[in-house]
N, C-alpha and C. Protein backbone atom coordinates (compact mmCIF):
# COMPACT_ATOMS: atom_id res chain seq x y z
N MET A 1 122.78 59.16 166.84
CA MET A 1 123.38 58.31 167.76
C MET A 1 124.47 59.28 167.79
N GLU A 2 125.27 58.87 169.54
CA GLU A 2 126.49 59.40 169.80
C GLU A 2 127.56 58.14 169.53
N LEU A 3 128.90 59.07 169.07
CA LEU A 3 129.80 58.44 168.54
C LEU A 3 131.26 59.29 169.50
N LEU A 4 132.23 58.45 170.05
CA LEU A 4 132.96 58.89 170.80
C LEU A 4 134.49 58.98 169.25
N TYR A 5 134.91 60.31 168.96
CA TYR A 5 136.34 60.24 168.26
C TYR A 5 136.84 60.42 168.86
N GLY A 6 138.12 59.59 168.60
CA GLY A 6 139.28 59.42 169.17
C GLY A 6 140.09 60.29 169.28
N THR A 7 140.46 61.97 169.17
CA THR A 7 141.30 63.15 169.34
C THR A 7 141.07 63.91 170.11
N THR A 8 142.19 64.57 170.59
CA THR A 8 141.81 65.54 171.37
C THR A 8 141.87 67.28 170.24
N ASN A 9 141.88 66.64 169.02
CA ASN A 9 142.30 67.74 168.11
C ASN A 9 140.81 68.45 167.72
N GLU A 10 140.70 69.69 168.32
CA GLU A 10 139.41 70.37 168.01
C GLU A 10 139.18 70.90 166.47
N GLY A 11 139.90 70.78 165.68
CA GLY A 11 139.72 71.31 164.75
C GLY A 11 139.21 69.90 163.74
N LYS A 12 139.71 69.16 164.17
CA LYS A 12 139.56 67.95 163.50
C LYS A 12 137.93 67.26 163.62
N ILE A 13 137.82 67.28 165.41
CA ILE A 13 136.48 67.05 165.23
C ILE A 13 135.12 68.19 165.33
N LEU A 14 135.39 69.51 164.84
CA LEU A 14 134.62 70.45 164.21
C LEU A 14 134.32 69.85 162.42
N ALA A 15 135.36 69.62 161.85
CA ALA A 15 135.25 69.12 160.59
C ALA A 15 134.40 68.05 160.58
N MET A 16 134.49 66.29 161.39
CA MET A 16 133.85 65.51 161.77
C MET A 16 132.65 65.62 161.67
N LYS A 17 132.11 66.48 162.53
CA LYS A 17 131.89 66.93 162.75
C LYS A 17 130.55 67.23 161.81
N ARG A 18 130.43 67.87 161.33
CA ARG A 18 130.05 68.41 159.23
C ARG A 18 129.84 67.29 159.04
N THR A 19 130.75 66.68 158.62
CA THR A 19 130.69 65.70 157.92
C THR A 19 129.58 64.49 158.21
N LEU A 20 129.74 64.13 159.38
CA LEU A 20 128.55 63.55 160.09
C LEU A 20 127.50 63.42 160.28
N LYS A 21 127.13 64.90 160.49
CA LYS A 21 125.58 65.69 160.40
C LYS A 21 124.73 64.98 159.79
N PRO A 22 124.54 64.58 158.92
CA PRO A 22 123.43 64.45 157.64
C PRO A 22 123.36 63.08 158.21
N LEU A 23 124.22 62.05 159.12
CA LEU A 23 123.72 60.82 158.98
C LEU A 23 122.81 60.90 160.74
N GLY A 24 122.75 61.93 161.06
CA GLY A 24 122.59 61.47 162.41
C GLY A 24 123.15 61.16 163.43
N ILE A 25 124.71 61.40 163.46
CA ILE A 25 125.93 61.00 164.19
C ILE A 25 126.39 61.92 164.77
N THR A 26 126.22 62.61 166.41
CA THR A 26 127.02 63.47 166.72
C THR A 26 127.67 62.88 167.64
N LEU A 27 128.79 64.02 168.02
CA LEU A 27 130.44 63.30 168.02
C LEU A 27 131.26 64.25 169.52
N LYS A 28 131.29 63.26 170.29
CA LYS A 28 132.02 63.78 171.40
C LYS A 28 133.82 63.69 171.20
N GLY A 29 134.35 64.06 172.19
CA GLY A 29 135.64 64.03 172.02
C GLY A 29 136.48 63.42 172.58
N LEU A 30 137.35 63.11 173.08
CA LEU A 30 138.29 62.59 174.19
C LEU A 30 138.62 63.60 175.36
N LYS A 31 138.21 64.46 175.43
CA LYS A 31 138.26 66.05 176.17
C LYS A 31 137.16 66.41 176.86
N ASP A 32 136.18 65.40 176.17
CA ASP A 32 134.55 65.75 176.79
C ASP A 32 134.63 64.86 177.44
N LEU A 33 135.41 63.51 178.24
CA LEU A 33 135.23 62.66 178.81
C LEU A 33 136.00 62.50 180.21
N GLU A 34 135.48 62.09 181.37
CA GLU A 34 136.15 61.84 182.50
C GLU A 34 136.96 61.14 182.56
N GLY A 35 138.24 60.88 183.05
CA GLY A 35 138.90 60.40 183.56
C GLY A 35 140.07 60.39 183.04
N GLU A 36 141.48 59.29 182.90
CA GLU A 36 142.94 60.09 181.84
C GLU A 36 142.75 59.34 180.89
N ILE A 37 142.79 59.93 180.29
CA ILE A 37 143.11 59.79 178.33
C ILE A 37 144.34 59.22 178.52
N PRO A 38 144.23 58.02 178.23
CA PRO A 38 145.29 56.45 177.69
C PRO A 38 146.14 57.52 176.89
N HIS A 39 148.14 57.55 176.82
CA HIS A 39 148.49 57.95 175.79
C HIS A 39 148.90 56.54 174.70
N VAL A 40 148.52 56.66 173.44
CA VAL A 40 148.64 55.80 172.67
C VAL A 40 150.16 55.91 171.82
N LYS A 41 150.93 54.86 171.92
CA LYS A 41 151.76 55.21 171.03
C LYS A 41 151.54 54.44 169.90
N GLU A 42 152.01 55.25 168.81
CA GLU A 42 151.36 54.99 167.07
C GLU A 42 152.74 54.08 166.59
N THR A 43 152.64 53.10 166.77
CA THR A 43 154.57 52.17 166.16
C THR A 43 153.56 51.84 165.10
N GLY A 44 152.32 52.30 164.80
CA GLY A 44 151.94 51.45 163.03
C GLY A 44 152.84 51.15 161.84
N ASN A 45 153.01 50.59 160.61
CA ASN A 45 153.73 50.99 159.69
C ASN A 45 152.58 51.43 159.05
N SER A 46 151.53 51.92 159.06
CA SER A 46 150.71 52.72 158.05
C SER A 46 149.47 53.74 158.72
N PRO A 47 149.05 54.19 157.79
CA PRO A 47 148.06 54.89 158.85
C PRO A 47 146.77 53.99 159.54
N LEU A 48 146.40 53.01 158.84
CA LEU A 48 145.21 51.73 159.21
C LEU A 48 145.54 51.43 160.42
N GLU A 49 147.40 50.90 160.62
CA GLU A 49 147.81 50.56 161.62
C GLU A 49 147.20 51.25 163.38
N ASN A 50 148.02 52.34 162.94
CA ASN A 50 147.76 53.34 164.11
C ASN A 50 146.58 53.60 164.36
N ALA A 51 145.49 53.56 163.25
CA ALA A 51 144.56 54.32 163.90
C ALA A 51 143.70 53.44 164.71
N ARG A 52 143.92 51.63 163.92
CA ARG A 52 143.60 50.85 164.41
C ARG A 52 143.97 50.38 166.17
N GLN A 53 145.62 51.17 166.20
CA GLN A 53 146.08 50.83 167.53
C GLN A 53 145.18 52.07 168.69
N LYS A 54 144.62 53.33 168.15
CA LYS A 54 144.36 54.44 168.79
C LYS A 54 143.03 53.87 169.37
N ALA A 55 141.86 53.37 168.02
CA ALA A 55 140.33 52.98 168.06
C ALA A 55 140.42 51.49 169.80
N ARG A 56 141.24 50.98 169.27
CA ARG A 56 141.24 49.54 170.31
C ARG A 56 141.50 50.38 171.83
N ALA A 57 142.80 50.98 172.24
CA ALA A 57 142.89 51.42 172.82
C ALA A 57 142.02 52.49 174.17
N TYR A 58 141.30 53.03 173.01
CA TYR A 58 140.16 54.33 173.85
C TYR A 58 139.00 53.29 174.10
N TYR A 59 138.75 52.18 173.01
CA TYR A 59 136.97 51.21 173.60
C TYR A 59 137.85 50.58 174.99
N GLN A 60 139.26 50.51 175.03
CA GLN A 60 139.20 49.25 176.08
C GLN A 60 139.46 50.60 177.40
N ALA A 61 139.63 52.03 177.10
CA ALA A 61 139.74 52.57 178.32
C ALA A 61 138.27 53.38 178.87
N PHE A 62 137.44 53.35 177.62
CA PHE A 62 136.33 53.75 178.07
C PHE A 62 135.04 53.06 177.95
N HIS A 63 135.34 51.85 177.12
CA HIS A 63 134.19 50.69 176.93
C HIS A 63 132.80 51.46 176.21
N ILE A 64 133.03 52.51 175.37
CA ILE A 64 131.63 53.07 174.61
C ILE A 64 132.80 53.00 173.34
N PRO A 65 130.97 53.27 172.26
CA PRO A 65 131.90 53.12 170.62
C PRO A 65 132.68 54.23 170.46
N VAL A 66 133.92 53.77 169.97
CA VAL A 66 134.80 54.88 169.63
C VAL A 66 135.63 55.01 168.00
N PHE A 67 135.72 55.99 167.67
CA PHE A 67 136.56 55.55 165.99
C PHE A 67 137.49 56.56 166.20
N SER A 68 139.04 55.88 165.31
CA SER A 68 140.04 56.94 165.48
C SER A 68 140.28 56.87 163.82
N CYS A 69 141.19 57.83 163.41
CA CYS A 69 141.70 57.92 162.00
C CYS A 69 142.68 58.27 162.44
N ASP A 70 143.45 58.04 161.10
CA ASP A 70 145.07 58.66 160.61
C ASP A 70 145.58 58.95 159.39
N THR A 71 146.76 59.79 159.37
CA THR A 71 146.65 60.13 158.06
C THR A 71 148.52 59.95 157.94
N GLY A 72 148.54 59.66 156.26
CA GLY A 72 150.30 60.09 156.45
C GLY A 72 149.72 60.48 154.36
N LEU A 73 151.59 61.24 154.69
CA LEU A 73 151.59 62.32 153.76
C LEU A 73 152.47 62.01 152.97
N TYR A 74 152.13 61.62 151.89
CA TYR A 74 153.28 61.21 150.31
C TYR A 74 153.28 62.60 149.68
N PHE A 75 154.61 62.31 149.09
CA PHE A 75 154.77 63.27 147.87
C PHE A 75 155.68 62.68 147.11
N GLU A 76 155.08 63.59 145.56
CA GLU A 76 155.88 63.06 144.76
C GLU A 76 157.49 63.29 144.27
N ASN A 77 158.34 62.54 143.31
CA ASN A 77 159.77 63.09 143.04
C ASN A 77 160.50 63.56 144.05
N ILE A 78 160.49 63.17 145.62
CA ILE A 78 161.58 63.60 146.24
C ILE A 78 162.13 62.72 146.95
N PRO A 79 163.28 62.81 147.48
CA PRO A 79 163.78 61.85 147.91
C PRO A 79 163.51 60.97 149.14
N GLU A 80 163.42 59.72 149.27
CA GLU A 80 162.57 58.63 150.29
C GLU A 80 162.97 59.39 151.84
N GLU A 81 164.07 60.20 152.28
CA GLU A 81 164.44 60.78 153.04
C GLU A 81 163.83 61.58 153.99
N PHE A 82 162.25 61.89 152.82
CA PHE A 82 162.17 63.28 153.19
C PHE A 82 160.34 63.26 153.03
N GLN A 83 160.35 61.78 152.77
CA GLN A 83 158.47 61.58 152.98
C GLN A 83 158.20 60.95 154.21
N PRO A 84 157.09 62.11 154.55
CA PRO A 84 156.57 61.80 155.96
C PRO A 84 156.14 60.78 156.15
N GLY A 85 155.48 60.02 155.23
CA GLY A 85 154.29 59.16 155.75
C GLY A 85 153.55 58.93 156.55
N ILE A 86 153.47 58.28 157.56
CA ILE A 86 152.81 58.71 158.48
C ILE A 86 153.22 58.87 159.53
N TYR A 87 153.96 59.85 159.60
CA TYR A 87 154.74 60.65 160.50
C TYR A 87 154.86 62.08 160.58
N VAL A 88 153.59 62.08 159.64
CA VAL A 88 153.41 63.45 159.76
C VAL A 88 153.57 65.18 160.20
N ARG A 89 153.77 65.00 161.35
CA ARG A 89 153.37 65.70 162.72
C ARG A 89 154.91 65.63 163.20
N ARG A 90 155.70 64.44 162.91
CA ARG A 90 156.76 63.96 163.79
C ARG A 90 158.06 63.56 162.80
N PRO A 91 158.20 64.42 161.54
CA PRO A 91 159.13 64.20 160.38
C PRO A 91 160.62 64.22 160.91
N LEU A 92 160.92 65.01 162.14
CA LEU A 92 162.45 65.22 162.39
C LEU A 92 162.46 64.23 164.07
N GLY A 93 161.58 63.41 164.42
CA GLY A 93 161.47 62.50 165.42
C GLY A 93 160.34 63.07 166.78
N TYR A 94 159.83 64.08 166.65
CA TYR A 94 159.70 64.92 167.51
C TYR A 94 158.52 65.43 167.10
N GLU A 95 157.63 65.75 168.54
CA GLU A 95 156.03 66.01 167.97
C GLU A 95 155.97 67.47 167.67
N MET A 96 156.09 68.14 166.56
CA MET A 96 155.91 69.96 166.37
C MET A 96 154.53 70.41 166.57
N SER A 97 154.77 71.63 166.94
CA SER A 97 153.58 72.27 166.76
C SER A 97 153.00 72.48 166.03
N ASP A 98 151.82 73.63 165.48
CA ASP A 98 151.60 73.94 164.01
C ASP A 98 152.44 74.41 163.04
N GLU A 99 153.22 75.29 164.50
CA GLU A 99 154.10 76.58 163.78
C GLU A 99 155.22 75.98 163.48
N GLN A 100 155.66 74.86 164.07
CA GLN A 100 156.92 74.52 163.54
C GLN A 100 156.43 73.18 162.51
N MET A 101 155.31 72.88 162.07
CA MET A 101 155.14 71.82 160.97
C MET A 101 154.85 72.97 159.72
N THR A 102 154.29 74.14 160.03
CA THR A 102 154.36 75.02 158.32
C THR A 102 155.73 75.23 158.20
N GLU A 103 156.56 75.39 158.85
CA GLU A 103 158.01 76.10 158.93
C GLU A 103 158.66 75.13 158.08
N TYR A 104 158.64 74.18 158.65
CA TYR A 104 159.05 72.62 158.08
C TYR A 104 158.59 72.41 156.74
N TYR A 105 157.73 72.15 156.44
CA TYR A 105 157.52 72.21 155.01
C TYR A 105 157.55 72.89 154.15
N ARG A 106 157.40 73.99 154.60
CA ARG A 106 157.21 75.41 154.02
C ARG A 106 159.11 75.69 153.32
N GLY A 107 159.82 74.68 154.34
CA GLY A 107 161.22 74.53 153.85
C GLY A 107 161.24 74.01 153.06
N LEU A 108 160.64 72.36 152.75
CA LEU A 108 161.00 71.69 151.95
C LEU A 108 160.35 71.80 150.46
N ALA A 109 159.38 73.09 150.34
CA ALA A 109 158.77 73.74 149.56
C ALA A 109 159.99 74.48 148.59
N VAL A 110 160.88 75.48 149.91
CA VAL A 110 161.79 76.30 149.27
C VAL A 110 163.46 75.65 148.77
N ARG A 111 163.42 74.21 149.53
CA ARG A 111 164.41 73.57 148.86
C ARG A 111 164.10 72.69 147.05
N PHE A 112 162.81 72.38 147.44
CA PHE A 112 162.42 71.63 146.10
C PHE A 112 161.61 72.43 144.89
N GLY A 113 161.08 72.82 145.16
CA GLY A 113 159.96 73.71 144.65
C GLY A 113 158.91 72.93 144.99
N ASP A 114 157.74 73.37 144.77
CA ASP A 114 155.90 73.09 144.77
C ASP A 114 156.12 71.43 145.19
N LEU A 115 155.42 71.15 146.11
CA LEU A 115 155.80 69.70 146.36
C LEU A 115 154.24 69.32 146.15
N ARG A 116 154.14 68.99 144.89
CA ARG A 116 152.99 67.80 143.94
C ARG A 116 152.79 66.36 145.81
N ALA A 117 151.87 66.75 146.36
CA ALA A 117 151.20 65.80 147.59
C ALA A 117 149.77 65.33 147.91
N GLN A 118 149.89 64.25 148.30
CA GLN A 118 148.57 63.37 148.86
C GLN A 118 148.45 63.30 150.50
N TYR A 119 147.61 62.91 150.88
CA TYR A 119 147.01 62.96 152.29
C TYR A 119 145.98 61.28 151.88
N ARG A 120 146.68 60.65 152.53
CA ARG A 120 146.10 58.87 152.59
C ARG A 120 145.38 58.80 154.08
N ASN A 121 144.00 58.60 153.68
CA ASN A 121 143.54 58.34 155.12
C ASN A 121 143.16 56.87 155.52
N ALA A 122 142.51 56.54 156.85
CA ALA A 122 142.37 55.25 157.23
C ALA A 122 141.70 55.65 158.68
N ILE A 123 140.55 54.75 158.73
CA ILE A 123 139.66 54.93 159.74
C ILE A 123 139.86 53.39 160.58
N CYS A 124 139.37 53.04 161.93
CA CYS A 124 138.97 52.38 162.82
C CYS A 124 138.03 52.20 163.72
N TYR A 125 136.75 51.60 163.88
CA TYR A 125 135.47 51.92 164.30
C TYR A 125 135.41 50.65 165.26
N TYR A 126 135.35 51.29 166.77
CA TYR A 126 135.02 49.62 167.34
C TYR A 126 133.82 50.48 168.19
N ARG A 127 132.75 49.19 167.65
CA ARG A 127 131.38 49.06 168.45
C ARG A 127 131.36 48.19 169.41
N SER A 128 132.25 47.77 169.34
CA SER A 128 132.43 46.45 170.61
C SER A 128 133.27 45.78 170.48
N GLU A 129 134.16 45.18 171.18
CA GLU A 129 135.67 44.25 171.26
C GLU A 129 134.88 43.35 170.02
N GLN A 130 133.80 42.42 169.50
CA GLN A 130 134.07 41.89 168.63
C GLN A 130 133.03 42.83 167.35
N GLU A 131 132.92 43.95 167.58
CA GLU A 131 132.44 44.49 166.26
C GLU A 131 132.92 45.19 165.57
N VAL A 132 134.02 45.29 164.91
CA VAL A 132 134.83 46.47 164.63
C VAL A 132 135.26 46.74 163.19
N TYR A 133 135.62 47.52 162.78
CA TYR A 133 134.84 47.73 161.41
C TYR A 133 136.26 49.14 161.10
N GLU A 134 137.01 48.88 159.64
CA GLU A 134 138.38 49.37 159.52
C GLU A 134 138.17 49.68 158.16
N SER A 135 139.15 50.54 157.14
CA SER A 135 139.32 51.08 155.99
C SER A 135 140.12 52.20 155.92
N ASP A 136 140.87 51.99 154.65
CA ASP A 136 142.04 52.68 154.30
C ASP A 136 141.51 52.92 152.62
N SER A 137 140.41 52.97 152.54
CA SER A 137 139.94 53.09 150.90
C SER A 137 139.83 54.30 150.29
N PRO A 138 140.58 54.38 148.98
CA PRO A 138 140.84 55.66 148.49
C PRO A 138 140.05 56.51 148.28
N LYS A 139 138.82 56.42 148.96
CA LYS A 139 138.32 57.33 149.26
C LYS A 139 137.89 58.08 150.03
N LEU A 140 138.77 57.45 150.98
CA LEU A 140 139.08 58.23 152.10
C LEU A 140 139.99 59.46 152.01
N SER A 141 140.77 58.97 150.89
CA SER A 141 141.79 59.96 150.62
C SER A 141 141.46 61.00 149.91
N GLY A 142 142.46 62.35 149.95
CA GLY A 142 142.24 63.48 149.49
C GLY A 142 142.70 63.61 147.80
N GLU A 143 142.31 64.35 147.32
CA GLU A 143 143.04 64.97 145.59
C GLU A 143 144.56 65.11 146.19
N ALA A 144 145.23 64.99 144.87
CA ALA A 144 146.24 65.87 144.52
C ALA A 144 146.54 66.96 144.79
N PHE A 145 147.51 68.05 145.60
CA PHE A 145 147.92 69.09 145.87
C PHE A 145 149.20 69.55 145.78
N LEU A 146 149.22 70.72 145.81
CA LEU A 146 150.80 71.20 146.14
C LEU A 146 150.82 71.89 147.56
N LEU A 147 152.21 72.00 147.85
CA LEU A 147 152.55 72.37 148.94
C LEU A 147 153.31 73.48 148.51
N THR A 148 152.92 74.29 149.19
CA THR A 148 154.25 75.43 148.11
C THR A 148 155.01 76.42 149.72
N ALA A 149 155.87 77.53 148.80
CA ALA A 149 156.24 78.02 150.05
C ALA A 149 156.10 79.20 150.80
N ILE A 150 155.13 79.90 150.57
CA ILE A 150 154.37 81.10 151.06
C ILE A 150 153.50 80.72 151.33
N PRO A 151 153.27 81.02 152.94
CA PRO A 151 151.86 80.42 153.63
C PRO A 151 150.76 81.88 153.68
N HIS A 152 149.97 80.94 153.41
CA HIS A 152 148.68 82.26 153.75
C HIS A 152 148.17 82.45 154.66
N PRO A 153 147.63 83.89 155.21
CA PRO A 153 147.61 84.96 156.27
C PRO A 153 146.91 84.18 157.04
N LYS A 154 146.02 83.01 156.26
CA LYS A 154 144.49 82.28 157.38
C LYS A 154 145.00 81.14 157.96
N SER A 155 145.21 81.20 159.15
CA SER A 155 146.05 79.55 160.00
C SER A 155 144.50 79.19 160.80
N GLN A 156 144.45 78.14 161.06
CA GLN A 156 143.43 77.26 162.03
C GLN A 156 143.86 76.16 162.44
N PRO A 157 143.57 76.25 164.03
CA PRO A 157 144.20 75.53 164.88
C PRO A 157 144.09 73.94 164.39
N GLY A 158 144.98 73.28 164.60
CA GLY A 158 145.34 71.35 164.24
C GLY A 158 145.12 71.23 162.68
N PHE A 159 145.49 72.29 161.79
CA PHE A 159 145.25 71.99 160.40
C PHE A 159 146.66 73.30 159.78
N PRO A 160 147.68 72.87 160.30
CA PRO A 160 149.00 73.82 159.99
C PRO A 160 149.29 73.80 158.37
N LEU A 161 149.09 72.74 157.74
CA LEU A 161 149.79 73.20 156.40
C LEU A 161 148.42 73.18 155.14
N ASP A 162 147.52 73.66 156.07
CA ASP A 162 146.77 74.08 155.07
C ASP A 162 147.08 75.48 154.56
N ARG A 163 147.65 76.61 155.16
CA ARG A 163 148.13 77.34 155.07
C ARG A 163 149.35 77.68 153.92
N ILE A 164 149.96 76.16 153.36
CA ILE A 164 150.77 76.37 152.62
C ILE A 164 149.75 75.07 151.33
N SER A 165 149.08 74.79 151.42
CA SER A 165 148.15 74.11 150.14
C SER A 165 147.49 74.63 149.77
N ILE A 166 147.44 73.99 147.99
CA ILE A 166 146.86 74.98 146.81
C ILE A 166 146.20 73.74 146.03
N GLN A 167 145.24 74.14 145.82
CA GLN A 167 144.30 73.55 144.74
C GLN A 167 145.18 73.14 143.50
N ILE A 168 145.19 72.29 143.21
CA ILE A 168 146.26 72.20 141.48
C ILE A 168 145.21 72.72 140.58
N SER A 169 143.76 72.22 140.35
CA SER A 169 142.81 72.50 139.44
C SER A 169 142.78 74.01 139.44
N SER A 170 142.72 74.99 140.82
CA SER A 170 142.26 76.27 140.55
C SER A 170 143.72 77.04 140.84
N GLY A 171 144.64 76.48 140.98
CA GLY A 171 145.96 77.64 142.05
C GLY A 171 145.64 78.01 143.00
N ALA A 172 144.28 78.01 143.50
CA ALA A 172 143.91 78.43 144.29
C ALA A 172 144.45 78.28 146.03
N TYR A 173 144.40 78.75 146.67
CA TYR A 173 144.56 78.01 148.29
C TYR A 173 143.57 77.62 149.09
N TYR A 174 143.77 76.55 149.64
CA TYR A 174 142.14 75.73 150.11
C TYR A 174 141.46 77.20 150.76
N TYR A 175 142.56 77.98 151.43
CA TYR A 175 141.66 78.29 152.25
C TYR A 175 140.51 79.58 151.57
N ASP A 176 141.12 79.85 150.34
CA ASP A 176 140.58 81.28 149.51
C ASP A 176 139.24 80.32 148.51
N LEU A 177 138.76 79.03 148.95
CA LEU A 177 137.65 78.35 148.28
C LEU A 177 137.10 78.35 148.90
N PRO A 178 135.63 77.87 148.13
CA PRO A 178 134.46 77.81 149.08
C PRO A 178 134.45 76.79 150.18
N GLN A 179 133.44 77.14 150.79
CA GLN A 179 133.30 75.94 152.25
C GLN A 179 133.13 74.32 151.64
N ASN A 180 132.29 74.70 150.39
CA ASN A 180 131.78 73.22 150.05
C ASN A 180 133.03 72.90 148.51
N ALA A 181 134.31 73.31 149.21
CA ALA A 181 135.37 72.47 147.74
C ALA A 181 134.90 71.20 147.80
N GLN A 182 135.56 70.88 146.32
CA GLN A 182 135.06 69.53 145.45
C GLN A 182 135.92 68.43 146.24
N ASP A 183 136.90 68.74 146.97
CA ASP A 183 137.89 68.03 147.80
C ASP A 183 137.16 67.53 148.95
N GLU A 184 136.97 68.47 149.63
CA GLU A 184 135.85 68.38 151.04
C GLU A 184 134.87 67.42 150.52
N VAL A 185 133.76 67.89 149.60
CA VAL A 185 132.76 66.98 149.30
C VAL A 185 133.46 65.29 149.06
N ALA A 186 133.91 65.60 148.30
CA ALA A 186 134.77 63.87 147.81
C ALA A 186 135.09 63.27 149.64
N LEU A 187 135.51 63.75 150.49
CA LEU A 187 136.00 63.37 151.69
C LEU A 187 134.78 63.19 152.33
N ASP A 188 133.80 63.91 152.69
CA ASP A 188 132.50 63.74 153.12
C ASP A 188 132.08 62.51 152.56
N GLU A 189 132.14 62.58 151.43
CA GLU A 189 131.24 61.12 151.12
C GLU A 189 132.16 59.71 151.12
N GLY A 190 133.51 59.86 151.59
CA GLY A 190 134.10 58.64 151.62
C GLY A 190 133.79 58.20 153.59
N PHE A 191 133.69 59.37 154.05
CA PHE A 191 133.52 59.06 155.36
C PHE A 191 131.93 58.66 155.99
N GLN A 192 131.56 59.19 155.15
CA GLN A 192 129.68 59.33 155.55
C GLN A 192 129.42 57.86 154.36
N GLU A 193 129.91 57.08 153.73
CA GLU A 193 129.68 55.98 153.07
C GLU A 193 130.15 54.76 153.98
N PHE A 194 131.30 54.89 154.67
CA PHE A 194 132.11 53.68 156.08
C PHE A 194 131.00 53.73 156.46
N PHE A 195 130.36 55.16 157.45
CA PHE A 195 129.57 54.90 158.68
C PHE A 195 128.40 54.00 158.15
N ARG A 196 127.88 54.90 156.60
CA ARG A 196 126.68 54.04 156.73
C ARG A 196 126.90 52.39 156.31
N ASN A 197 128.02 52.09 155.80
CA ASN A 197 127.90 50.51 155.45
C ASN A 197 127.97 49.78 157.08
N CYS A 198 128.63 50.97 157.98
CA CYS A 198 129.12 49.95 159.71
C CYS A 198 127.46 50.09 160.27
N MET A 199 126.49 51.39 159.72
CA MET A 199 125.37 50.81 160.37
C MET A 199 124.03 50.29 160.46
N VAL A 200 124.31 49.80 158.86
CA VAL A 200 123.56 48.55 158.44
C VAL A 200 124.18 47.01 158.69
N CYS A 201 125.00 47.12 159.23
CA CYS A 201 125.56 45.66 159.50
C CYS A 201 124.97 45.34 160.97
């Protein structure tokens, strides 16, 4: 089974390929397609609304099964004006590069101390106009973690905040954890369960 993942982020595609491989699902991204990729304005008020907007637009453009994801980032105990929510890459109103994101969020950690944070994820899958599946279940979201002011020397394109993310239970940077770190496994299981449910519908 082959699906289109509605993203141009190669890091996200590689991570999702790994997640869905046990289900026999292969993925291609938007850059693998011929034709113009529509620009989707993400005007939703939640990760699920944005995921739905993207999946619908890509399905209508390419007429093949496609899913899109969206993420919100939420901090504990900081003023509301500093909550990125669905604007993880656009907290100041413009699209940030990976380097700009790392510096912006590192600056928040300098200002407020290590930030207890959580990603909340959502997914929308268009199999057809009549068959649409979506979820923002907590099973798709990661565990709470810390954003710190000191970047890890390693960086991976598409995942700029991983450089300043620390697992609370171990106190280690996520980059220093084994590949099958507990939070990754939990996220894999959440997305696998979503697609298993879709496949039996």
